Amino acid sequence: MTIKKSAAIKSLEKLRGERLSFGKMIESIRKADEITQVELAQKMKISKAHLCDLEKGRRPVTLTRAILFAKVLGYSKNQFVAKAIEDLVHEAGLNVKVIFEAA
């Protein structure tokens, strides 16, 4: 499997002009790849309602699930984990960007 470039995610942030949450990122990628919520939910082995809650930010994503999203969608797991942690940090009231680099 090839891993898609994280530049796509950076482009999404620039286009939106706002902080890109994990849920918005998943929704944008899913729509750009023309994948329905039902299809992605099936691939993720979660309900459509659960996926909808993740996309709308009503439910936080676990790091394990963030890695699975990356694998299923073909993106870097580091980018997805960083975005999930960034959401948690933002929710705590801190305005920082999380960057993961290989150790």
C-alpha atoms as a PDB file:
ATOM      1  CA  MET A   1       0.000   0.000   0.000  1.00  0.00           C
ATOM      2  CA  THR A   2       1.287   3.476  -0.791  1.00  0.00           C
ATOM      3  CA  ILE A   3       1.025   6.260   1.766  1.00  0.00           C
ATOM      4  CA  LYS A   4      -0.501   9.508   0.567  1.00  0.00           C
ATOM      5  CA  LYS A   5       1.461  12.667   1.110  1.00  0.00           C
ATOM      6  CA  SER A   6       0.684  14.726   4.192  1.00  0.00           C
ATOM      7  CA  ALA A   7       0.878  17.777   1.923  1.00  0.00           C
ATOM      8  CA  ALA A   8      -2.771  17.039   1.095  1.00  0.00           C
ATOM      9  CA  ILE A   9      -3.671  17.699   4.710  1.00  0.00           C
ATOM     10  CA  LYS A  10      -1.671  20.931   4.747  1.00  0.00           C
ATOM     11  CA  SER A  11      -3.550  22.031   1.629  1.00  0.00           C
ATOM     12  CA  LEU A  12      -6.869  21.336   3.361  1.00  0.00           C
ATOM     13  CA  GLU A  13      -5.862  23.585   6.255  1.00  0.00           C
ATOM     14  CA  LYS A  14      -4.951  26.423   3.893  1.00  0.00           C
ATOM     15  CA  LEU A  15      -8.181  26.121   1.903  1.00  0.00           C
ATOM     16  CA  ARG A  16     -10.418  26.167   4.946  1.00  0.00           C
ATOM     17  CA  GLY A  17      -8.648  29.068   6.661  1.00  0.00           C
ATOM     18  CA  GLU A  18      -9.508  27.646  10.074  1.00  0.00           C
ATOM     19  CA  ARG A  19      -8.086  25.080  12.447  1.00  0.00           C
ATOM     20  CA  LEU A  20      -8.607  21.688  10.899  1.00  0.00           C
ATOM     21  CA  SER A  21      -9.928  19.231  13.474  1.00  0.00           C
ATOM     22  CA  PHE A  22      -9.482  15.498  13.158  1.00  0.00           C
ATOM     23  CA  GLY A  23     -13.152  15.098  12.291  1.00  0.00           C
ATOM     24  CA  LYS A  24     -13.100  17.795   9.603  1.00  0.00           C
ATOM     25  CA  MET A  25      -9.950  16.242   8.178  1.00  0.00           C
ATOM     26  CA  ILE A  26     -11.578  12.800   7.947  1.00  0.00           C
ATOM     27  CA  GLU A  27     -14.721  14.249   6.389  1.00  0.00           C
ATOM     28  CA  SER A  28     -12.737  16.265   3.831  1.00  0.00           C
ATOM     29  CA  ILE A  29     -10.549  13.314   2.848  1.00  0.00           C
ATOM     30  CA  ARG A  30     -13.560  10.997   2.665  1.00  0.00           C
ATOM     31  CA  LYS A  31     -15.458  13.376   0.402  1.00  0.00           C
ATOM     32  CA  ALA A  32     -12.416  14.099  -1.787  1.00  0.00           C
ATOM     33  CA  ASP A  33     -11.884  10.361  -2.242  1.00  0.00           C
ATOM     34  CA  GLU A  34     -15.624   9.952  -2.938  1.00  0.00           C
ATOM     35  CA  ILE A  35     -16.149   7.531  -0.053  1.00  0.00           C
ATOM     36  CA  THR A  36     -19.532   7.518   1.656  1.00  0.00           C
ATOM     37  CA  GLN A  37     -19.893   7.489   5.420  1.00  0.00           C
ATOM     38  CA  VAL A  38     -21.369   4.000   5.155  1.00  0.00           C
ATOM     39  CA  GLU A  39     -18.386   2.715   3.148  1.00  0.00           C
ATOM     40  CA  LEU A  40     -15.807   4.223   5.506  1.00  0.00           C
ATOM     41  CA  ALA A  41     -17.687   3.072   8.590  1.00  0.00           C
ATOM     42  CA  GLN A  42     -17.721  -0.473   7.212  1.00  0.00           C
ATOM     43  CA  LYS A  43     -13.987  -0.367   6.499  1.00  0.00           C
ATOM     44  CA  MET A  44     -13.381   0.970  10.019  1.00  0.00           C
ATOM     45  CA  LYS A  45     -15.778  -1.581  11.574  1.00  0.00           C
ATOM     46  CA  ILE A  46     -17.739   1.171  13.337  1.00  0.00           C
ATOM     47  CA  SER A  47     -21.295   2.397  12.920  1.00  0.00           C
ATOM     48  CA  LYS A  48     -22.192   5.218  10.548  1.00  0.00           C
ATOM     49  CA  ALA A  49     -23.505   7.148  13.572  1.00  0.00           C
ATOM     50  CA  HIS A  50     -20.142   6.776  15.333  1.00  0.00           C
ATOM     51  CA  LEU A  51     -18.315   8.024  12.227  1.00  0.00           C
ATOM     52  CA  CYS A  52     -20.710  10.964  11.955  1.00  0.00           C
ATOM     53  CA  ASP A  53     -20.072  11.842  15.619  1.00  0.00           C
ATOM     54  CA  LEU A  54     -16.301  11.738  14.999  1.00  0.00           C
ATOM     55  CA  GLU A  55     -16.567  13.925  11.893  1.00  0.00           C
ATOM     56  CA  LYS A  56     -18.751  16.502  13.657  1.00  0.00           C
ATOM     57  CA  GLY A  57     -16.464  16.619  16.705  1.00  0.00           C
ATOM     58  CA  ARG A  58     -19.137  15.274  19.065  1.00  0.00           C
ATOM     59  CA  ARG A  59     -16.895  12.370  20.002  1.00  0.00           C
ATOM     60  CA  PRO A  60     -13.107  12.321  20.445  1.00  0.00           C
ATOM     61  CA  VAL A  61     -11.011   9.840  18.489  1.00  0.00           C
ATOM     62  CA  THR A  62      -8.657   7.464  20.274  1.00  0.00           C
ATOM     63  CA  LEU A  63      -5.059   7.258  19.120  1.00  0.00           C
ATOM     64  CA  THR A  64      -5.586   3.618  18.155  1.00  0.00           C
ATOM     65  CA  ARG A  65      -8.538   4.564  15.983  1.00  0.00           C
ATOM     66  CA  ALA A  66      -6.602   7.514  14.482  1.00  0.00           C
ATOM     67  CA  ILE A  67      -3.917   5.041  13.359  1.00  0.00           C
ATOM     68  CA  LEU A  68      -6.585   2.774  11.862  1.00  0.00           C
ATOM     69  CA  PHE A  69      -8.114   5.722   9.961  1.00  0.00           C
ATOM     70  CA  ALA A  70      -4.668   6.491   8.521  1.00  0.00           C
ATOM     71  CA  LYS A  71      -4.172   2.886   7.453  1.00  0.00           C
ATOM     72  CA  VAL A  72      -7.649   2.535   5.914  1.00  0.00           C
ATOM     73  CA  LEU A  73      -7.388   5.862   4.054  1.00  0.00           C
ATOM     74  CA  GLY A  74      -3.726   5.396   3.056  1.00  0.00           C
ATOM     75  CA  TYR A  75      -2.167   8.317   4.925  1.00  0.00           C
ATOM     76  CA  SER A  76       0.718   8.677   7.364  1.00  0.00           C
ATOM     77  CA  LYS A  77      -0.217   7.479  10.838  1.00  0.00           C
ATOM     78  CA  ASN A  78       1.989  10.203  12.346  1.00  0.00           C
ATOM     79  CA  GLN A  79      -0.103  12.912  10.697  1.00  0.00           C
ATOM     80  CA  PHE A  80      -3.351  11.411  11.963  1.00  0.00           C
ATOM     81  CA  VAL A  81      -2.056  10.839  15.513  1.00  0.00           C
ATOM     82  CA  ALA A  82      -0.696  14.393  15.614  1.00  0.00           C
ATOM     83  CA  LYS A  83      -4.087  15.780  14.539  1.00  0.00           C
ATOM     84  CA  ALA A  84      -5.909  13.676  17.177  1.00  0.00           C
ATOM     85  CA  ILE A  85      -3.547  14.922  19.914  1.00  0.00           C
ATOM     86  CA  GLU A  86      -3.859  18.474  18.597  1.00  0.00           C
ATOM     87  CA  ASP A  87      -7.649  18.226  19.104  1.00  0.00           C
ATOM     88  CA  LEU A  88      -7.151  17.143  22.727  1.00  0.00           C
ATOM     89  CA  VAL A  89      -4.688  19.974  23.344  1.00  0.00           C
ATOM     90  CA  HIS A  90      -7.053  22.489  21.717  1.00  0.00           C
ATOM     91  CA  GLU A  91      -9.939  21.200  23.837  1.00  0.00           C
ATOM     92  CA  ALA A  92      -7.790  21.888  26.915  1.00  0.00           C
ATOM     93  CA  GLY A  93      -7.553  25.533  25.843  1.00  0.00           C
ATOM     94  CA  LEU A  94      -4.052  25.542  24.399  1.00  0.00           C
ATOM     95  CA  ASN A  95      -3.482  26.945  20.926  1.00  0.00           C
ATOM     96  CA  VAL A  96      -0.553  24.859  19.690  1.00  0.00           C
ATOM     97  CA  LYS A  97       0.245  22.719  16.684  1.00  0.00           C
ATOM     98  CA  VAL A  98       1.444  19.155  17.249  1.00  0.00           C
ATOM     99  CA  ILE A  99       4.171  17.799  14.974  1.00  0.00           C
ATOM    100  CA  PHE A 100       5.359  14.200  15.023  1.00  0.00           C
ATOM    101  CA  GLU A 101       8.798  13.289  13.741  1.00  0.00           C
ATOM    102  CA  ALA A 102      10.520   9.946  13.541  1.00  0.00           C
ATOM    103  CA  ALA A 103      12.748   9.295  16.547  1.00  0.00           C
END
